[in-house]
Amino acid sequence: MLIGLYSDALAHLPLGEFLDFCADRGVSHVEFGTGNWSSAPHVDPFALLASKAGPSELAAALKSRGLTLSALNCSGNPLHPRHGEQHRAVIHKTIELAALLGIERIVTMSGCPAGPGDQYPNWITTSWPPETTEILRWQWDEQVLPYWSKTVSFARDHGVRLCFEMHGAQCVYNVETFERLRDAFGDTVGVNFDPSHLLWMGADPIAAAARLGNSIYHVHAKDARVEPAARENGRLDAKSVVPVAGRSWNFVAVGRGQAPAFWADLIRTLRASGYDDVLSVENEDYSMSAEEGIQQSVSALRALGVS
């Protein structure tokens, strides 16, 4: 396994300083945000695709520091009734840029549409009251499957695989919903495996990784900790991610949520499933600075023999 870093945590740094940060800490791989939910992406696919020198300059900047690009990340909601068109454009340009750079995978999310005639996305997590079942059917049949049918075909034509992150408030949020998408479109569709989301939703990431097997195409190294408040309030928590005090769960640096034994078991399971590639640190530990959180995660992974 190799250590990577997703650029969003250091969006405040210019590109060169971000790359220097990675190289100085012995991080070998980087994952660039390209827009949508990236707060300040280091890579603009529209600008790079329009530039003759831009792609080669980016490649040179990585090579000069001994860094390798693991993936491009364009996570957003292409099915949003108001912002979907903009997010879809970023996804398509990211696929084109990945092909140009020789990168075979992009990270994204499935999206979540509204219900029929609504203005805002509606994440259905229960079959009652009865209208929820009809909304969910409409979302998949009229929105999710038609959009991804075209986009998977576009990605396949460009030699790019789509790594879907199983994430709350998205139509693909667990193993079962991912398998519905993969069964529809085949092996161009895979997973960006992030255990932190499964943890707060109550799933066992190790069991999920074993079930997903060789459909895992990319991995985020991010931890989550269920807090004491969950005993009274459960794990559904709509409070802001800051302040962290009082929440039912929090994203934390690797090793600050689950014990080292958990991470060792997860790494063994990933390898047994055929994944022996990049663990891309995604830092969203808001109890410390981004730099501190990243260093905590990198140190925890190195203690487990990840280089």
Protein backbone atom coordinates (compact mmCIF):
# COMPACT_ATOMS: atom_id res chain seq x y z
CA MET A 1 0.00 0.00 0.00
CA LEU A 2 1.07 3.56 -0.74
CA ILE A 3 0.20 6.82 1.00
CA GLY A 4 -1.54 9.55 -0.96
CA LEU A 5 -3.17 12.85 -0.09
CA TYR A 6 -6.38 14.42 -1.36
CA SER A 7 -5.67 18.09 -2.04
CA ASP A 8 -8.89 19.57 -0.62
CA ALA A 9 -7.60 19.66 2.96
CA LEU A 10 -4.89 22.10 1.88
CA ALA A 11 -6.94 24.11 -0.58
CA HIS A 12 -5.54 27.29 0.99
CA LEU A 13 -2.07 26.49 -0.36
CA PRO A 14 -0.97 27.33 -3.91
CA LEU A 15 -0.37 24.29 -6.09
CA GLY A 16 3.41 24.37 -5.76
CA GLU A 17 3.29 24.65 -1.98
CA PHE A 18 0.81 21.78 -1.79
CA LEU A 19 3.12 19.58 -3.86
CA ASP A 20 6.09 20.58 -1.72
CA PHE A 21 4.09 19.68 1.40
CA CYS A 22 3.51 16.18 0.02
CA ALA A 23 7.10 15.65 -1.07
CA ASP A 24 8.53 16.92 2.21
CA ARG A 25 6.48 14.35 4.13
CA GLY A 26 7.25 11.42 1.88
CA VAL A 27 3.72 11.20 0.48
CA SER A 28 4.10 9.56 -2.92
CA HIS A 29 0.66 10.11 -4.51
CA VAL A 30 -1.74 13.01 -4.84
CA GLU A 31 -5.44 13.21 -5.63
CA PHE A 32 -6.59 16.55 -7.04
CA GLY A 33 -10.02 18.08 -6.62
CA THR A 34 -11.27 19.54 -9.91
CA GLY A 35 -14.33 21.50 -8.82
CA ASN A 36 -17.94 20.92 -7.74
CA TRP A 37 -17.67 20.42 -3.96
CA SER A 38 -13.93 21.10 -3.89
CA SER A 39 -13.66 24.38 -2.01
CA ALA A 40 -10.68 25.71 -4.00
CA PRO A 41 -9.51 23.06 -6.47
CA HIS A 42 -5.85 22.99 -7.40
CA VAL A 43 -6.69 21.73 -10.87
CA ASP A 44 -9.17 23.41 -13.22
CA PRO A 45 -10.09 20.93 -15.96
CA PHE A 46 -11.61 23.61 -18.18
CA ALA A 47 -8.41 25.70 -18.11
CA LEU A 48 -6.06 22.75 -18.54
CA LEU A 49 -7.98 21.32 -21.47
CA ALA A 50 -7.87 24.72 -23.15
CA SER A 51 -4.14 25.12 -22.57
CA LYS A 52 -1.40 23.69 -24.77
CA ALA A 53 1.24 23.82 -22.04
CA GLY A 54 -0.86 23.32 -18.91
CA PRO A 55 -1.06 19.51 -18.83
CA SER A 56 2.66 19.06 -19.49
CA GLU A 57 3.51 21.70 -16.86
CA LEU A 58 1.39 19.88 -14.30
CA ALA A 59 3.06 16.57 -15.16
CA ALA A 60 6.47 18.19 -14.82
CA ALA A 61 5.59 19.71 -11.45
CA LEU A 62 4.62 16.28 -10.14
CA LYS A 63 7.63 14.49 -11.63
CA SER A 64 10.13 17.01 -10.26
CA ARG A 65 8.96 16.19 -6.74
CA GLY A 66 8.72 12.43 -7.24
CA LEU A 67 4.92 12.48 -7.01
CA THR A 68 2.33 10.42 -8.87
CA LEU A 69 -1.26 11.40 -9.59
CA SER A 70 -3.61 8.74 -8.21
CA ALA A 71 -6.99 10.20 -9.19
CA LEU A 72 -8.99 13.31 -10.02
CA ASN A 73 -11.93 14.08 -7.72
CA CYS A 74 -15.02 15.87 -9.04
CA SER A 75 -17.51 14.89 -6.33
CA GLY A 76 -20.75 16.82 -6.58
CA ASN A 77 -24.43 16.33 -7.28
CA PRO A 78 -25.03 16.01 -11.04
CA LEU A 79 -28.70 15.28 -10.32
CA HIS A 80 -29.40 18.45 -8.35
CA PRO A 81 -32.48 20.15 -9.87
CA ARG A 82 -30.84 23.60 -9.68
CA HIS A 83 -27.06 23.03 -9.86
CA GLY A 84 -26.88 19.70 -11.67
CA GLU A 85 -25.98 21.08 -15.09
CA GLN A 86 -22.90 22.83 -13.72
CA HIS A 87 -21.82 19.72 -11.80
CA ARG A 88 -22.33 17.51 -14.85
CA ALA A 89 -20.08 19.78 -16.90
CA VAL A 90 -17.27 19.45 -14.34
CA ILE A 91 -17.62 15.66 -14.31
CA HIS A 92 -17.39 15.45 -18.10
CA LYS A 93 -14.38 17.78 -18.27
CA THR A 94 -12.69 15.80 -15.48
CA ILE A 95 -13.13 12.60 -17.48
CA GLU A 96 -11.58 14.29 -20.52
CA LEU A 97 -8.69 15.63 -18.45
CA ALA A 98 -8.05 12.24 -16.85
CA ALA A 99 -7.81 10.68 -20.30
CA LEU A 100 -5.42 13.42 -21.46
CA LEU A 101 -3.19 12.95 -18.39
CA GLY A 102 -3.23 9.16 -18.67
CA ILE A 103 -5.14 8.74 -15.38
CA GLU A 104 -7.56 5.84 -15.46
CA ARG A 105 -9.84 6.77 -12.55
CA ILE A 106 -11.85 9.67 -11.25
CA VAL A 107 -13.62 9.91 -7.91
CA THR A 108 -17.20 11.13 -7.84
CA MET A 109 -20.57 10.59 -6.20
CA SER A 110 -23.84 9.29 -7.56
CA GLY A 111 -25.82 12.43 -6.84
CA CYS A 112 -29.27 12.69 -5.32
CA PRO A 113 -32.22 14.19 -7.17
CA ALA A 114 -35.26 15.89 -5.75
CA GLY A 115 -38.62 14.22 -5.75
CA PRO A 116 -40.93 14.86 -8.72
CA GLY A 117 -41.50 18.61 -9.01
CA ASP A 118 -39.34 19.48 -5.98
CA GLN A 119 -36.53 22.06 -5.85
CA TYR A 120 -34.07 20.36 -3.49
CA PRO A 121 -32.52 16.88 -3.26
CA ASN A 122 -34.40 14.36 -1.17
CA TRP A 123 -32.39 11.50 0.36
CA ILE A 124 -34.82 8.65 0.97
CA THR A 125 -33.76 6.39 3.86
CA THR A 126 -37.04 4.75 4.85
CA SER A 127 -39.95 3.02 3.14
CA TRP A 128 -42.56 4.80 5.25
CA PRO A 129 -44.64 6.89 4.85
CA PRO A 130 -45.70 5.23 1.58
CA GLU A 131 -44.79 8.11 -0.73
CA THR A 132 -41.10 7.59 0.04
CA THR A 133 -41.11 4.35 -1.96
CA GLU A 134 -42.58 6.08 -5.00
CA ILE A 135 -40.09 8.96 -4.75
CA LEU A 136 -37.19 6.51 -4.59
CA ARG A 137 -38.46 4.55 -7.57
CA TRP A 138 -38.82 7.77 -9.58
CA GLN A 139 -35.35 8.96 -8.60
CA TRP A 140 -33.64 5.80 -9.80
CA ASP A 141 -35.73 5.15 -12.91
CA GLU A 142 -36.05 8.72 -14.14
CA GLN A 143 -32.86 10.36 -12.90
CA VAL A 144 -30.05 8.14 -11.60
CA LEU A 145 -29.99 5.41 -14.23
CA PRO A 146 -30.61 7.61 -17.31
CA TYR A 147 -27.89 10.12 -16.37
CA TRP A 148 -25.25 7.56 -15.44
CA SER A 149 -26.01 5.44 -18.50
CA LYS A 150 -24.75 8.26 -20.72
CA THR A 151 -21.89 9.29 -18.43
CA VAL A 152 -20.59 5.74 -17.93
CA SER A 153 -20.55 5.33 -21.69
CA PHE A 154 -18.63 8.62 -22.03
CA ALA A 155 -16.10 7.49 -19.42
CA ARG A 156 -15.70 4.08 -21.04
CA ASP A 157 -15.02 5.72 -24.40
CA HIS A 158 -12.22 7.72 -22.72
CA GLY A 159 -10.69 4.71 -20.93
CA VAL A 160 -11.63 6.12 -17.52
CA ARG A 161 -13.19 4.27 -14.60
CA LEU A 162 -15.67 5.96 -12.26
CA CYS A 163 -14.97 5.49 -8.54
CA PHE A 164 -18.19 6.18 -6.65
CA GLU A 165 -17.94 7.18 -3.02
CA MET A 166 -20.68 5.64 -0.89
CA HIS A 167 -21.82 8.77 0.92
CA GLY A 168 -24.79 9.95 2.95
CA ALA A 169 -27.35 12.14 1.14
CA GLN A 170 -26.50 10.37 -2.14
CA CYS A 171 -28.44 7.64 -3.92
CA VAL A 172 -25.35 5.40 -3.68
CA TYR A 173 -24.53 5.32 0.03
CA ASN A 174 -23.91 1.66 0.89
CA VAL A 175 -22.92 -1.66 -0.69
CA GLU A 176 -26.43 -2.54 -1.86
CA THR A 177 -27.05 0.77 -3.62
CA PHE A 178 -23.61 0.67 -5.24
CA GLU A 179 -24.25 -2.83 -6.55
CA ARG A 180 -27.45 -1.61 -8.17
CA LEU A 181 -25.40 0.88 -10.21
CA ARG A 182 -22.64 -1.61 -11.04
CA ASP A 183 -25.12 -4.29 -12.07
CA ALA A 184 -26.64 -1.79 -14.49
CA PHE A 185 -23.40 -0.56 -16.09
CA GLY A 186 -20.59 -3.05 -15.50
CA ASP A 187 -16.99 -2.68 -14.46
CA THR A 188 -16.47 0.90 -15.61
CA VAL A 189 -18.27 1.53 -12.32
CA GLY A 190 -16.29 0.93 -9.13
CA VAL A 191 -15.92 2.25 -5.59
CA ASN A 192 -13.87 4.95 -3.97
CA PHE A 193 -13.85 3.18 -0.63
CA ASP A 194 -14.10 5.59 2.32
CA PRO A 195 -14.65 3.75 5.61
CA SER A 196 -15.58 6.91 7.54
CA HIS A 197 -19.04 7.22 5.99
CA LEU A 198 -19.84 3.57 6.56
CA LEU A 199 -18.79 3.94 10.20
CA TRP A 200 -21.16 6.76 11.05
CA MET A 201 -24.00 5.07 9.17
CA GLY A 202 -23.51 1.93 11.28
CA ALA A 203 -22.01 -0.45 8.71
CA ASP A 204 -18.90 -2.59 9.18
CA PRO A 205 -16.30 -1.32 6.68
CA ILE A 206 -14.35 -4.58 6.83
CA ALA A 207 -17.41 -6.63 5.91
CA ALA A 208 -18.26 -4.08 3.20
CA ALA A 209 -14.74 -4.25 1.72
CA ALA A 210 -14.90 -8.04 1.64
CA ARG A 211 -18.26 -7.92 -0.16
CA LEU A 212 -17.11 -5.28 -2.67
CA GLY A 213 -13.97 -7.24 -3.58
CA ASN A 214 -12.37 -6.22 -6.85
CA SER A 215 -14.88 -3.43 -7.45
CA ILE A 216 -12.78 -1.23 -5.12
CA TYR A 217 -10.78 1.04 -7.44
CA HIS A 218 -9.54 3.74 -5.04
CA VAL A 219 -9.46 4.24 -1.26
CA HIS A 220 -9.73 7.23 1.06
CA ALA A 221 -7.96 6.95 4.39
CA LYS A 222 -10.36 8.74 6.72
CA ASP A 223 -11.62 7.78 10.15
CA ALA A 224 -14.82 8.51 12.07
CA ARG A 225 -15.63 8.38 15.75
CA VAL A 226 -19.09 7.79 17.17
CA GLU A 227 -19.48 10.12 20.14
CA PRO A 228 -21.30 9.65 23.49
CA ALA A 229 -24.19 11.84 22.29
CA ALA A 230 -25.16 9.04 19.91
CA ARG A 231 -26.37 6.96 22.85
CA GLU A 232 -29.20 9.42 23.36
CA ASN A 233 -29.69 10.90 19.89
CA GLY A 234 -28.65 8.12 17.52
CA ARG A 235 -26.22 8.59 14.65
CA LEU A 236 -28.37 10.82 12.46
CA ASP A 237 -27.02 14.29 13.16
CA ALA A 238 -27.88 17.40 11.17
CA LYS A 239 -25.73 19.76 13.24
CA SER A 240 -22.83 21.54 11.54
CA VAL A 241 -19.51 19.68 11.54
CA VAL A 242 -18.13 22.50 13.69
CA PRO A 243 -18.05 22.81 16.57
CA VAL A 244 -17.27 19.13 17.04
CA ALA A 245 -18.46 19.08 20.67
CA GLY A 246 -21.95 17.71 21.15
CA ARG A 247 -22.20 15.90 17.84
CA SER A 248 -23.21 12.24 17.57
CA TRP A 249 -20.19 11.47 15.40
CA ASN A 250 -17.18 13.24 13.93
CA PHE A 251 -14.72 12.68 11.13
CA VAL A 252 -11.26 12.30 12.63
CA ALA A 253 -7.71 11.61 11.53
CA VAL A 254 -6.76 7.96 11.00
CA GLY A 255 -6.34 6.25 14.37
CA ARG A 256 -8.39 8.78 16.35
CA GLY A 257 -11.64 6.91 15.81
CA GLN A 258 -10.88 3.23 15.26
CA ALA A 259 -8.07 1.29 16.90
CA PRO A 260 -4.95 0.26 14.94
CA ALA A 261 -6.29 -3.31 14.86
CA PHE A 262 -9.28 -2.12 12.83
CA TRP A 263 -7.06 -0.43 10.28
CA ALA A 264 -4.75 -3.43 10.08
CA ASP A 265 -7.75 -5.71 9.44
CA LEU A 266 -9.11 -3.32 6.82
CA ILE A 267 -5.79 -3.20 4.98
CA ARG A 268 -5.57 -7.01 5.02
CA THR A 269 -9.12 -7.24 3.67
CA LEU A 270 -8.40 -4.74 0.90
CA ARG A 271 -5.32 -6.71 -0.15
CA ALA A 272 -7.26 -9.98 -0.07
CA SER A 273 -9.87 -8.33 -2.30
CA GLY A 274 -7.20 -7.42 -4.82
CA TYR A 275 -6.56 -3.80 -3.84
CA ASP A 276 -2.90 -3.06 -3.06
CA ASP A 277 -2.70 0.55 -4.17
CA VAL A 278 -3.05 4.09 -2.81
CA LEU A 279 -4.61 5.01 0.52
CA SER A 280 -5.41 8.66 -0.16
CA VAL A 281 -5.63 10.62 3.10
CA GLU A 282 -8.72 12.81 3.20
CA ASN A 283 -8.52 15.03 6.24
CA GLU A 284 -11.74 16.37 7.75
CA ASP A 285 -10.70 16.35 11.40
CA TYR A 286 -11.88 19.77 12.57
CA SER A 287 -10.44 19.44 16.07
CA MET A 288 -6.98 20.40 14.81
CA SER A 289 -5.29 22.14 11.89
CA ALA A 290 -5.32 20.44 8.51
CA GLU A 291 -1.56 20.02 8.64
CA GLU A 292 -1.76 18.33 12.06
CA GLY A 293 -4.60 16.06 10.97
CA ILE A 294 -2.76 14.97 7.84
CA GLN A 295 0.42 14.25 9.80
CA GLN A 296 -1.59 12.20 12.32
CA SER A 297 -3.09 10.11 9.54
CA VAL A 298 0.22 9.64 7.72
CA SER A 299 1.96 8.58 10.94
CA ALA A 300 -0.81 6.12 11.79
CA LEU A 301 -0.62 4.53 8.34
CA ARG A 302 3.16 4.29 8.47
CA ALA A 303 2.93 2.54 11.84
CA LEU A 304 0.86 -0.10 10.01
CA GLY A 305 3.55 -0.62 7.39
CA VAL A 306 1.99 1.57 4.68
CA SER A 307 4.65 3.48 2.75
